[in-house]
Amino acid sequence: MKKRINFEFRGKKISLEAKKVGFLSEGWGLMFSRREKANALLFEFKKPTMLKFTSFFVFYPFIMVWVDEVGKVVEVRRVNPFKFSILPKRKFTKVIEIPINKRYSHILKLLDED
């Protein structure tokens, strides 16, 4: 199921559509996907958590955005392939994985600007 996600980062409002990841596919994320065909993914958790992520078997870099329970961005990070453990500095309730590809280039520019 696709879901519209809105958040603010460095004073810029960002909106994108992402595929909501279900319980059974939470462990896969972007693994084994093709860069240009990959969709942004949304992971939602009922309670604030410090769950670790991995980029094993993701063959391209992507952006991770961690969001807390009030909708504030906790952290944004570019993740390279085959990282064993990816963990933000604070608890979160949502994670958005955004593939670095043509489809999301406009979003990536907003996240990358200083």
PDB file of N, CA and C in Angstrom:
ATOM      1  N   MET A   1       0.840  -1.166   0.000  1.00  0.00           N
ATOM      2  CA  MET A   1       0.000   0.000   0.000  1.00  0.00           C
ATOM      3  C   MET A   1       0.893   1.240   0.000  1.00  0.00           C
ATOM      4  N   LYS A   2       0.574   2.212  -0.833  1.00  0.00           N
ATOM      5  CA  LYS A   2       1.330   3.464  -0.915  1.00  0.00           C
ATOM      6  C   LYS A   2       0.735   4.473   0.061  1.00  0.00           C
ATOM      7  N   LYS A   3       1.610   5.298   0.592  1.00  0.00           N
ATOM      8  CA  LYS A   3       1.177   6.295   1.566  1.00  0.00           C
ATOM      9  C   LYS A   3       1.945   7.595   1.328  1.00  0.00           C
ATOM     10  N   ARG A   4       1.248   8.722   1.406  1.00  0.00           N
ATOM     11  CA  ARG A   4       1.878  10.034   1.256  1.00  0.00           C
ATOM     12  C   ARG A   4       2.519  10.408   2.589  1.00  0.00           C
ATOM     13  N   ILE A   5       3.779  10.818   2.549  1.00  0.00           N
ATOM     14  CA  ILE A   5       4.521  11.192   3.747  1.00  0.00           C
ATOM     15  C   ILE A   5       4.938  12.647   3.613  1.00  0.00           C
ATOM     16  N   ASN A   6       4.691  13.419   4.657  1.00  0.00           N
ATOM     17  CA  ASN A   6       5.082  14.821   4.693  1.00  0.00           C
ATOM     18  C   ASN A   6       5.959  15.038   5.918  1.00  0.00           C
ATOM     19  N   PHE A   7       7.078  15.720   5.725  1.00  0.00           N
ATOM     20  CA  PHE A   7       7.922  16.070   6.859  1.00  0.00           C
ATOM     21  C   PHE A   7       8.695  17.331   6.511  1.00  0.00           C
ATOM     22  N   GLU A   8       9.269  17.944   7.531  1.00  0.00           N
ATOM     23  CA  GLU A   8      10.039  19.163   7.339  1.00  0.00           C
ATOM     24  C   GLU A   8      11.489  18.889   7.693  1.00  0.00           C
ATOM     25  N   PHE A   9      12.394  19.377   6.840  1.00  0.00           N
ATOM     26  CA  PHE A   9      13.822  19.190   7.067  1.00  0.00           C
ATOM     27  C   PHE A   9      14.543  20.478   6.719  1.00  0.00           C
ATOM     28  N   ARG A  10      15.244  21.041   7.696  1.00  0.00           N
ATOM     29  CA  ARG A  10      15.977  22.302   7.520  1.00  0.00           C
ATOM     30  C   ARG A  10      15.088  23.413   6.955  1.00  0.00           C
ATOM     31  N   GLY A  11      13.861  23.479   7.460  1.00  0.00           N
ATOM     32  CA  GLY A  11      12.926  24.515   7.048  1.00  0.00           C
ATOM     33  C   GLY A  11      12.229  24.270   5.726  1.00  0.00           C
ATOM     34  N   LYS A  12      12.503  23.136   5.086  1.00  0.00           N
ATOM     35  CA  LYS A  12      11.870  22.809   3.799  1.00  0.00           C
ATOM     36  C   LYS A  12      10.820  21.720   4.001  1.00  0.00           C
ATOM     37  N   LYS A  13       9.642  21.943   3.433  1.00  0.00           N
ATOM     38  CA  LYS A  13       8.593  20.925   3.497  1.00  0.00           C
ATOM     39  C   LYS A  13       8.829  19.914   2.385  1.00  0.00           C
ATOM     40  N   ILE A  14       8.841  18.650   2.761  1.00  0.00           N
ATOM     41  CA  ILE A  14       9.106  17.580   1.801  1.00  0.00           C
ATOM     42  C   ILE A  14       7.925  16.626   1.811  1.00  0.00           C
ATOM     43  N   SER A  15       7.473  16.259   0.631  1.00  0.00           N
ATOM     44  CA  SER A  15       6.347  15.345   0.489  1.00  0.00           C
ATOM     45  C   SER A  15       6.703  14.296  -0.554  1.00  0.00           C
ATOM     46  N   LEU A  16       6.475  13.040  -0.210  1.00  0.00           N
ATOM     47  CA  LEU A  16       6.710  11.977  -1.177  1.00  0.00           C
ATOM     48  C   LEU A  16       5.780  10.813  -0.907  1.00  0.00           C
ATOM     49  N   GLU A  17       5.604  10.004  -1.917  1.00  0.00           N
ATOM     50  CA  GLU A  17       4.790   8.805  -1.789  1.00  0.00           C
ATOM     51  C   GLU A  17       5.727   7.622  -1.585  1.00  0.00           C
ATOM     52  N   ALA A  18       5.416   6.792  -0.588  1.00  0.00           N
ATOM     53  CA  ALA A  18       6.261   5.636  -0.292  1.00  0.00           C
ATOM     54  C   ALA A  18       5.393   4.407  -0.085  1.00  0.00           C
ATOM     55  N   LYS A  19       5.975   3.270  -0.349  1.00  0.00           N
ATOM     56  CA  LYS A  19       5.289   1.999  -0.136  1.00  0.00           C
ATOM     57  C   LYS A  19       5.413   1.639   1.341  1.00  0.00           C
ATOM     58  N   LYS A  20       4.270   1.459   2.007  1.00  0.00           N
ATOM     59  CA  LYS A  20       4.275   1.079   3.417  1.00  0.00           C
ATOM     60  C   LYS A  20       4.683  -0.386   3.519  1.00  0.00           C
ATOM     61  N   VAL A  21       5.692  -0.637   4.333  1.00  0.00           N
ATOM     62  CA  VAL A  21       6.228  -1.987   4.476  1.00  0.00           C
ATOM     63  C   VAL A  21       5.434  -2.718   5.546  1.00  0.00           C
ATOM     64  N   GLY A  22       4.907  -3.899   5.199  1.00  0.00           N
ATOM     65  CA  GLY A  22       4.158  -4.705   6.142  1.00  0.00           C
ATOM     66  C   GLY A  22       5.064  -5.488   7.071  1.00  0.00           C
ATOM     67  N   PHE A  23       4.481  -6.049   8.100  1.00  0.00           N
ATOM     68  CA  PHE A  23       5.232  -6.777   9.124  1.00  0.00           C
ATOM     69  C   PHE A  23       6.108  -7.880   8.534  1.00  0.00           C
ATOM     70  N   LEU A  24       5.572  -8.656   7.606  1.00  0.00           N
ATOM     71  CA  LEU A  24       6.327  -9.785   7.057  1.00  0.00           C
ATOM     72  C   LEU A  24       7.493  -9.365   6.172  1.00  0.00           C
ATOM     73  N   SER A  25       7.410  -8.192   5.568  1.00  0.00           N
ATOM     74  CA  SER A  25       8.498  -7.762   4.678  1.00  0.00           C
ATOM     75  C   SER A  25       9.416  -6.717   5.311  1.00  0.00           C
ATOM     76  N   GLU A  26       9.260  -6.451   6.620  1.00  0.00           N
ATOM     77  CA  GLU A  26      10.111  -5.468   7.301  1.00  0.00           C
ATOM     78  C   GLU A  26      11.590  -5.804   7.204  1.00  0.00           C
ATOM     79  N   GLY A  27      11.936  -7.064   7.231  1.00  0.00           N
ATOM     80  CA  GLY A  27      13.337  -7.472   7.205  1.00  0.00           C
ATOM     81  C   GLY A  27      14.011  -7.320   5.855  1.00  0.00           C
ATOM     82  N   TRP A  28      13.243  -7.089   4.788  1.00  0.00           N
ATOM     83  CA  TRP A  28      13.826  -7.019   3.448  1.00  0.00           C
ATOM     84  C   TRP A  28      14.182  -5.611   3.023  1.00  0.00           C
ATOM     85  N   GLY A  29      13.303  -4.651   3.263  1.00  0.00           N
ATOM     86  CA  GLY A  29      13.572  -3.279   2.833  1.00  0.00           C
ATOM     87  C   GLY A  29      13.925  -3.216   1.360  1.00  0.00           C
ATOM     88  N   LEU A  30      15.026  -2.560   1.034  1.00  0.00           N
ATOM     89  CA  LEU A  30      15.462  -2.403  -0.358  1.00  0.00           C
ATOM     90  C   LEU A  30      16.338  -3.555  -0.854  1.00  0.00           C
ATOM     91  N   MET A  31      16.549  -4.570  -0.021  1.00  0.00           N
ATOM     92  CA  MET A  31      17.413  -5.692  -0.417  1.00  0.00           C
ATOM     93  C   MET A  31      16.981  -6.296  -1.748  1.00  0.00           C
ATOM     94  N   PHE A  32      17.951  -6.580  -2.582  1.00  0.00           N
ATOM     95  CA  PHE A  32      17.774  -7.252  -3.872  1.00  0.00           C
ATOM     96  C   PHE A  32      16.943  -6.455  -4.880  1.00  0.00           C
ATOM     97  N   SER A  33      16.630  -5.195  -4.589  1.00  0.00           N
ATOM     98  CA  SER A  33      15.869  -4.388  -5.549  1.00  0.00           C
ATOM     99  C   SER A  33      16.829  -3.756  -6.556  1.00  0.00           C
ATOM    100  N   ARG A  34      16.277  -3.361  -7.693  1.00  0.00           N
ATOM    101  CA  ARG A  34      17.068  -2.687  -8.722  1.00  0.00           C
ATOM    102  C   ARG A  34      16.950  -1.187  -8.519  1.00  0.00           C
ATOM    103  N   ARG A  35      18.056  -0.520  -8.625  1.00  0.00           N
ATOM    104  CA  ARG A  35      18.134   0.905  -8.297  1.00  0.00           C
ATOM    105  C   ARG A  35      17.053   1.742  -8.974  1.00  0.00           C
ATOM    106  N   GLU A  36      16.935   1.682 -10.282  1.00  0.00           N
ATOM    107  CA  GLU A  36      15.998   2.553 -10.998  1.00  0.00           C
ATOM    108  C   GLU A  36      14.538   2.146 -10.814  1.00  0.00           C
ATOM    109  N   LYS A  37      14.280   0.919 -10.439  1.00  0.00           N
ATOM    110  CA  LYS A  37      12.902   0.470 -10.236  1.00  0.00           C
ATOM    111  C   LYS A  37      12.470   0.546  -8.776  1.00  0.00           C
ATOM    112  N   ALA A  38      13.403   0.820  -7.882  1.00  0.00           N
ATOM    113  CA  ALA A  38      13.115   0.807  -6.444  1.00  0.00           C
ATOM    114  C   ALA A  38      12.209   1.966  -6.043  1.00  0.00           C
ATOM    115  N   ASN A  39      11.276   1.678  -5.149  1.00  0.00           N
ATOM    116  CA  ASN A  39      10.378   2.680  -4.582  1.00  0.00           C
ATOM    117  C   ASN A  39      10.868   3.081  -3.200  1.00  0.00           C
ATOM    118  N   ALA A  40      10.500   4.287  -2.779  1.00  0.00           N
ATOM    119  CA  ALA A  40      10.752   4.689  -1.395  1.00  0.00           C
ATOM    120  C   ALA A  40       9.907   3.788  -0.498  1.00  0.00           C
ATOM    121  N   LEU A  41      10.450   3.442   0.659  1.00  0.00           N
ATOM    122  CA  LEU A  41       9.758   2.557   1.591  1.00  0.00           C
ATOM    123  C   LEU A  41       9.530   3.260   2.919  1.00  0.00           C
ATOM    124  N   LEU A  42       8.386   2.969   3.538  1.00  0.00           N
ATOM    125  CA  LEU A  42       8.042   3.523   4.843  1.00  0.00           C
ATOM    126  C   LEU A  42       7.884   2.393   5.847  1.00  0.00           C
ATOM    127  N   PHE A  43       8.641   2.477   6.928  1.00  0.00           N
ATOM    128  CA  PHE A  43       8.526   1.543   8.047  1.00  0.00           C
ATOM    129  C   PHE A  43       7.895   2.322   9.201  1.00  0.00           C
ATOM    130  N   GLU A  44       6.784   1.820   9.754  1.00  0.00           N
ATOM    131  CA  GLU A  44       6.127   2.487  10.881  1.00  0.00           C
ATOM    132  C   GLU A  44       6.110   1.549  12.085  1.00  0.00           C
ATOM    133  N   PHE A  45       6.383   2.110  13.255  1.00  0.00           N
ATOM    134  CA  PHE A  45       6.423   1.342  14.490  1.00  0.00           C
ATOM    135  C   PHE A  45       5.448   1.949  15.490  1.00  0.00           C
ATOM    136  N   LYS A  46       4.818   1.107  16.305  1.00  0.00           N
ATOM    137  CA  LYS A  46       3.803   1.574  17.251  1.00  0.00           C
ATOM    138  C   LYS A  46       4.393   2.401  18.377  1.00  0.00           C
ATOM    139  N   LYS A  47       5.599   2.045  18.818  1.00  0.00           N
ATOM    140  CA  LYS A  47       6.255   2.754  19.915  1.00  0.00           C
ATOM    141  C   LYS A  47       7.628   3.236  19.453  1.00  0.00           C
ATOM    142  N   PRO A  48       8.133   4.303  20.075  1.00  0.00           N
ATOM    143  CA  PRO A  48       9.497   4.737  19.750  1.00  0.00           C
ATOM    144  C   PRO A  48      10.490   3.592  19.960  1.00  0.00           C
ATOM    145  N   THR A  49      11.422   3.456  19.031  1.00  0.00           N
ATOM    146  CA  THR A  49      12.348   2.330  19.056  1.00  0.00           C
ATOM    147  C   THR A  49      13.752   2.771  18.652  1.00  0.00           C
ATOM    148  N   MET A  50      14.707   1.883  18.866  1.00  0.00           N
ATOM    149  CA  MET A  50      16.096   2.092  18.430  1.00  0.00           C
ATOM    150  C   MET A  50      16.537   0.887  17.606  1.00  0.00           C
ATOM    151  N   LEU A  51      15.678   0.394  16.768  1.00  0.00           N
ATOM    152  CA  LEU A  51      15.931  -0.772  15.937  1.00  0.00           C
ATOM    153  C   LEU A  51      17.079  -0.517  14.962  1.00  0.00           C
ATOM    154  N   LYS A  52      17.950  -1.508  14.814  1.00  0.00           N
ATOM    155  CA  LYS A  52      19.055  -1.409  13.854  1.00  0.00           C
ATOM    156  C   LYS A  52      18.581  -1.828  12.466  1.00  0.00           C
ATOM    157  N   PHE A  53      19.164  -1.208  11.450  1.00  0.00           N
ATOM    158  CA  PHE A  53      18.907  -1.566  10.058  1.00  0.00           C
ATOM    159  C   PHE A  53      20.215  -2.028   9.435  1.00  0.00           C
ATOM    160  N   THR A  54      20.116  -2.640   8.268  1.00  0.00           N
ATOM    161  CA  THR A  54      21.296  -3.073   7.530  1.00  0.00           C
ATOM    162  C   THR A  54      21.102  -2.748   6.052  1.00  0.00           C
ATOM    163  N   SER A  55      22.204  -2.621   5.327  1.00  0.00           N
ATOM    164  CA  SER A  55      22.098  -2.437   3.878  1.00  0.00           C
ATOM    165  C   SER A  55      22.770  -3.601   3.143  1.00  0.00           C
ATOM    166  N   PHE A  56      22.872  -4.748   3.829  1.00  0.00           N
ATOM    167  CA  PHE A  56      23.382  -5.944   3.154  1.00  0.00           C
ATOM    168  C   PHE A  56      22.466  -6.268   1.976  1.00  0.00           C
ATOM    169  N   PHE A  57      23.041  -6.600   0.862  1.00  0.00           N
ATOM    170  CA  PHE A  57      22.324  -6.965  -0.358  1.00  0.00           C
ATOM    171  C   PHE A  57      21.506  -5.820  -0.953  1.00  0.00           C
ATOM    172  N   VAL A  58      21.835  -4.594  -0.582  1.00  0.00           N
ATOM    173  CA  VAL A  58      21.340  -3.415  -1.290  1.00  0.00           C
ATOM    174  C   VAL A  58      22.561  -2.930  -2.067  1.00  0.00           C
ATOM    175  N   PHE A  59      22.479  -2.984  -3.375  1.00  0.00           N
ATOM    176  CA  PHE A  59      23.647  -2.785  -4.231  1.00  0.00           C
ATOM    177  C   PHE A  59      23.849  -1.341  -4.693  1.00  0.00           C
ATOM    178  N   TYR A  60      23.203  -0.400  -4.043  1.00  0.00           N
ATOM    179  CA  TYR A  60      23.311   1.013  -4.406  1.00  0.00           C
ATOM    180  C   TYR A  60      23.098   1.851  -3.139  1.00  0.00           C
ATOM    181  N   PRO A  61      23.583   3.092  -3.123  1.00  0.00           N
ATOM    182  CA  PRO A  61      23.366   3.945  -1.950  1.00  0.00           C
ATOM    183  C   PRO A  61      21.919   4.430  -1.891  1.00  0.00           C
ATOM    184  N   PHE A  62      21.480   4.768  -0.699  1.00  0.00           N
ATOM    185  CA  PHE A  62      20.136   5.304  -0.505  1.00  0.00           C
ATOM    186  C   PHE A  62      20.149   6.234   0.704  1.00  0.00           C
ATOM    187  N   ILE A  63      19.062   6.971   0.868  1.00  0.00           N
ATOM    188  CA  ILE A  63      18.918   7.912   1.977  1.00  0.00           C
ATOM    189  C   ILE A  63      17.948   7.318   2.990  1.00  0.00           C
ATOM    190  N   MET A  64      18.311   7.412   4.267  1.00  0.00           N
ATOM    191  CA  MET A  64      17.400   7.012   5.342  1.00  0.00           C
ATOM    192  C   MET A  64      16.999   8.263   6.107  1.00  0.00           C
ATOM    193  N   VAL A  65      15.692   8.380   6.365  1.00  0.00           N
ATOM    194  CA  VAL A  65      15.154   9.488   7.151  1.00  0.00           C
ATOM    195  C   VAL A  65      14.431   8.877   8.343  1.00  0.00           C
ATOM    196  N   TRP A  66      14.873   9.213   9.549  1.00  0.00           N
ATOM    197  CA  TRP A  66      14.234   8.736  10.769  1.00  0.00           C
ATOM    198  C   TRP A  66      13.358   9.855  11.309  1.00  0.00           C
ATOM    199  N   VAL A  67      12.107   9.529  11.682  1.00  0.00           N
ATOM    200  CA  VAL A  67      11.138  10.522  12.153  1.00  0.00           C
ATOM    201  C   VAL A  67      10.605  10.075  13.514  1.00  0.00           C
ATOM    202  N   ASP A  68      10.457  11.029  14.459  1.00  0.00           N
ATOM    203  CA  ASP A  68       9.963  10.664  15.791  1.00  0.00           C
ATOM    204  C   ASP A  68       8.436  10.681  15.850  1.00  0.00           C
ATOM    205  N   GLU A  69       7.894  10.437  17.053  1.00  0.00           N
ATOM    206  CA  GLU A  69       6.444  10.293  17.221  1.00  0.00           C
ATOM    207  C   GLU A  69       5.668  11.577  16.981  1.00  0.00           C
ATOM    208  N   VAL A  70       6.312  12.742  17.021  1.00  0.00           N
ATOM    209  CA  VAL A  70       5.618  14.006  16.746  1.00  0.00           C
ATOM    210  C   VAL A  70       5.859  14.499  15.319  1.00  0.00           C
ATOM    211  N   GLY A  71       6.504  13.676  14.501  1.00  0.00           N
ATOM    212  CA  GLY A  71       6.730  14.017  13.102  1.00  0.00           C
ATOM    213  C   GLY A  71       7.988  14.822  12.841  1.00  0.00           C
ATOM    214  N   LYS A  72       8.852  14.925  13.826  1.00  0.00           N
ATOM    215  CA  LYS A  72      10.103  15.671  13.668  1.00  0.00           C
ATOM    216  C   LYS A  72      11.198  14.742  13.156  1.00  0.00           C
ATOM    217  N   VAL A  73      11.969  15.238  12.193  1.00  0.00           N
ATOM    218  CA  VAL A  73      13.072  14.442  11.646  1.00  0.00           C
ATOM    219  C   VAL A  73      14.158  14.306  12.713  1.00  0.00           C
ATOM    220  N   VAL A  74      14.483  13.067  13.037  1.00  0.00           N
ATOM    221  CA  VAL A  74      15.514  12.751  14.023  1.00  0.00           C
ATOM    222  C   VAL A  74      16.889  12.802  13.372  1.00  0.00           C
ATOM    223  N   GLU A  75      16.975  12.224  12.170  1.00  0.00           N
ATOM    224  CA  GLU A  75      18.259  12.151  11.474  1.00  0.00           C
ATOM    225  C   GLU A  75      18.026  11.819  10.005  1.00  0.00           C
ATOM    226  N   VAL A  76      18.930  12.299   9.157  1.00  0.00           N
ATOM    227  CA  VAL A  76      18.951  11.959   7.734  1.00  0.00           C
ATOM    228  C   VAL A  76      20.365  11.501   7.429  1.00  0.00           C
ATOM    229  N   ARG A  77      20.468  10.376   6.752  1.00  0.00           N
ATOM    230  CA  ARG A  77      21.804   9.839   6.475  1.00  0.00           C
ATOM    231  C   ARG A  77      21.833   9.145   5.113  1.00  0.00           C
ATOM    232  N   ARG A  78      22.926   9.362   4.389  1.00  0.00           N
ATOM    233  CA  ARG A  78      23.186   8.602   3.161  1.00  0.00           C
ATOM    234  C   ARG A  78      23.812   7.281   3.599  1.00  0.00           C
ATOM    235  N   VAL A  79      23.252   6.184   3.099  1.00  0.00           N
ATOM    236  CA  VAL A  79      23.717   4.848   3.483  1.00  0.00           C
ATOM    237  C   VAL A  79      24.338   4.177   2.265  1.00  0.00           C
ATOM    238  N   ASN A  80      25.535   3.685   2.427  1.00  0.00           N
ATOM    239  CA  ASN A  80      26.217   2.961   1.357  1.00  0.00           C
ATOM    240  C   ASN A  80      25.879   1.479   1.414  1.00  0.00           C
ATOM    241  N   PRO A  81      26.076   0.762   0.303  1.00  0.00           N
ATOM    242  CA  PRO A  81      25.779  -0.675   0.271  1.00  0.00           C
ATOM    243  C   PRO A  81      26.597  -1.465   1.292  1.00  0.00           C
ATOM    244  N   PHE A  82      25.998  -2.555   1.725  1.00  0.00           N
ATOM    245  CA  PHE A  82      26.642  -3.564   2.568  1.00  0.00           C
ATOM    246  C   PHE A  82      27.135  -3.050   3.921  1.00  0.00           C
ATOM    247  N   LYS A  83      26.388  -2.132   4.524  1.00  0.00           N
ATOM    248  CA  LYS A  83      26.659  -1.709   5.899  1.00  0.00           C
ATOM    249  C   LYS A  83      25.961  -2.694   6.830  1.00  0.00           C
ATOM    250  N   PHE A  84      26.678  -3.178   7.820  1.00  0.00           N
ATOM    251  CA  PHE A  84      26.123  -4.192   8.714  1.00  0.00           C
ATOM    252  C   PHE A  84      25.106  -3.615   9.696  1.00  0.00           C
ATOM    253  N   SER A  85      25.409  -2.473  10.285  1.00  0.00           N
ATOM    254  CA  SER A  85      24.547  -1.920  11.324  1.00  0.00           C
ATOM    255  C   SER A  85      24.343  -0.421  11.107  1.00  0.00           C
ATOM    256  N   ILE A  86      23.078  -0.022  10.975  1.00  0.00           N
ATOM    257  CA  ILE A  86      22.726   1.378  10.773  1.00  0.00           C
ATOM    258  C   ILE A  86      21.767   1.761  11.891  1.00  0.00           C
ATOM    259  N   LEU A  87      22.169   2.719  12.697  1.00  0.00           N
ATOM    260  CA  LEU A  87      21.391   3.092  13.872  1.00  0.00           C
ATOM    261  C   LEU A  87      21.464   4.609  14.071  1.00  0.00           C
ATOM    262  N   PRO A  88      20.314   5.281  14.248  1.00  0.00           N
ATOM    263  CA  PRO A  88      20.348   6.722  14.505  1.00  0.00           C
ATOM    264  C   PRO A  88      20.748   7.008  15.958  1.00  0.00           C
ATOM    265  N   LYS A  89      20.884   8.282  16.264  1.00  0.00           N
ATOM    266  CA  LYS A  89      21.292   8.679  17.615  1.00  0.00           C
ATOM    267  C   LYS A  89      20.130   8.724  18.606  1.00  0.00           C
ATOM    268  N   ARG A  90      18.890   8.839  18.109  1.00  0.00           N
ATOM    269  CA  ARG A  90      17.715   8.929  18.985  1.00  0.00           C
ATOM    270  C   ARG A  90      16.623   7.971  18.530  1.00  0.00           C
ATOM    271  N   LYS A  91      15.640   7.763  19.405  1.00  0.00           N
ATOM    272  CA  LYS A  91      14.510   6.885  19.097  1.00  0.00           C
ATOM    273  C   LYS A  91      13.655   7.478  17.980  1.00  0.00           C
ATOM    274  N   PHE A  92      12.932   6.602  17.283  1.00  0.00           N
ATOM    275  CA  PHE A  92      12.106   7.002  16.145  1.00  0.00           C
ATOM    276  C   PHE A  92      10.863   6.122  16.083  1.00  0.00           C
ATOM    277  N   THR A  93       9.862   6.565  15.325  1.00  0.00           N
ATOM    278  CA  THR A  93       8.666   5.750  15.085  1.00  0.00           C
ATOM    279  C   THR A  93       8.461   5.466  13.599  1.00  0.00           C
ATOM    280  N   LYS A  94       9.166   6.205  12.742  1.00  0.00           N
ATOM    281  CA  LYS A  94       9.073   5.982  11.293  1.00  0.00           C
ATOM    282  C   LYS A  94      10.460   6.045  10.683  1.00  0.00           C
ATOM    283  N   VAL A  95      10.653   5.243   9.651  1.00  0.00           N
ATOM    284  CA  VAL A  95      11.875   5.296   8.859  1.00  0.00           C
ATOM    285  C   VAL A  95      11.458   5.300   7.397  1.00  0.00           C
ATOM    286  N   ILE A  96      12.075   6.183   6.629  1.00  0.00           N
ATOM    287  CA  ILE A  96      11.828   6.239   5.192  1.00  0.00           C
ATOM    288  C   ILE A  96      13.146   5.921   4.497  1.00  0.00           C
ATOM    289  N   GLU A  97      13.125   4.925   3.636  1.00  0.00           N
ATOM    290  CA  GLU A  97      14.288   4.593   2.812  1.00  0.00           C
ATOM    291  C   GLU A  97      14.015   5.131   1.413  1.00  0.00           C
ATOM    292  N   ILE A  98      14.881   6.020   0.940  1.00  0.00           N
ATOM    293  CA  ILE A  98      14.693   6.656  -0.365  1.00  0.00           C
ATOM    294  C   ILE A  98      15.852   6.266  -1.271  1.00  0.00           C
ATOM    295  N   PRO A  99      15.586   5.475  -2.316  1.00  0.00           N
ATOM    296  CA  PRO A  99      16.662   5.094  -3.235  1.00  0.00           C
ATOM    297  C   PRO A  99      17.214   6.315  -3.963  1.00  0.00           C
ATOM    298  N   ILE A 100      18.500   6.326  -4.180  1.00  0.00           N
ATOM    299  CA  ILE A 100      19.107   7.408  -4.955  1.00  0.00           C
ATOM    300  C   ILE A 100      18.962   7.025  -6.425  1.00  0.00           C
ATOM    301  N   ASN A 101      17.876   7.526  -7.036  1.00  0.00           N
ATOM    302  CA  ASN A 101      17.599   7.254  -8.443  1.00  0.00           C
ATOM    303  C   ASN A 101      16.874   8.450  -9.061  1.00  0.00           C
ATOM    304  N   LYS A 102      16.593   8.393 -10.343  1.00  0.00           N
ATOM    305  CA  LYS A 102      15.968   9.510 -11.061  1.00  0.00           C
ATOM    306  C   LYS A 102      14.594   9.859 -10.506  1.00  0.00           C
ATOM    307  N   ARG A 103      13.832   8.865 -10.105  1.00  0.00           N
ATOM    308  CA  ARG A 103      12.469   9.088  -9.612  1.00  0.00           C
ATOM    309  C   ARG A 103      12.449  10.034  -8.407  1.00  0.00           C
ATOM    310  N   TYR A 104      13.452   9.959  -7.554  1.00  0.00           N
ATOM    311  CA  TYR A 104      13.476  10.755  -6.321  1.00  0.00           C
ATOM    312  C   TYR A 104      14.514  11.872  -6.344  1.00  0.00           C
ATOM    313  N   SER A 105      15.017  12.230  -7.513  1.00  0.00           N
ATOM    314  CA  SER A 105      16.077  13.244  -7.598  1.00  0.00           C
ATOM    315  C   SER A 105      15.643  14.584  -7.004  1.00  0.00           C
ATOM    316  N   HIS A 106      14.377  14.979  -7.192  1.00  0.00           N
ATOM    317  CA  HIS A 106      13.896  16.252  -6.641  1.00  0.00           C
ATOM    318  C   HIS A 106      13.883  16.228  -5.110  1.00  0.00           C
ATOM    319  N   ILE A 107      13.559  15.100  -4.514  1.00  0.00           N
ATOM    320  CA  ILE A 107      13.564  14.949  -3.052  1.00  0.00           C
ATOM    321  C   ILE A 107      15.001  14.954  -2.542  1.00  0.00           C
ATOM    322  N   LEU A 108      15.865  14.245  -3.243  1.00  0.00           N
ATOM    323  CA  LEU A 108      17.262  14.140  -2.817  1.00  0.00           C
ATOM    324  C   LEU A 108      17.948  15.500  -2.821  1.00  0.00           C
ATOM    325  N   LYS A 109      17.593  16.360  -3.785  1.00  0.00           N
ATOM    326  CA  LYS A 109      18.168  17.709  -3.824  1.00  0.00           C
ATOM    327  C   LYS A 109      17.765  18.503  -2.588  1.00  0.00           C
ATOM    328  N   LEU A 110      16.519  18.382  -2.169  1.00  0.00           N
ATOM    329  CA  LEU A 110      16.051  19.089  -0.973  1.00  0.00           C
ATOM    330  C   LEU A 110      16.757  18.594   0.286  1.00  0.00           C
ATOM    331  N   LEU A 111      16.997  17.296   0.364  1.00  0.00           N
ATOM    332  CA  LEU A 111      17.654  16.724   1.540  1.00  0.00           C
ATOM    333  C   LEU A 111      19.144  17.030   1.571  1.00  0.00           C
ATOM    334  N   ASP A 112      19.731  17.271   0.411  1.00  0.00           N
ATOM    335  CA  ASP A 112      21.177  17.454   0.311  1.00  0.00           C
ATOM    336  C   ASP A 112      21.614  18.911   0.424  1.00  0.00           C
ATOM    337  N   GLU A 113      20.693  19.857   0.197  1.00  0.00           N
ATOM    338  CA  GLU A 113      21.042  21.276   0.227  1.00  0.00           C
ATOM    339  C   GLU A 113      21.380  21.718   1.643  1.00  0.00           C
ATOM    340  N   ASP A 114      22.298  22.659   1.751  1.00  0.00           N
ATOM    341  CA  ASP A 114      22.625  23.229   3.073  1.00  0.00           C
ATOM    342  C   ASP A 114      21.968  24.567   3.259  1.00  0.00           C
TER     343      ASP A 114
END
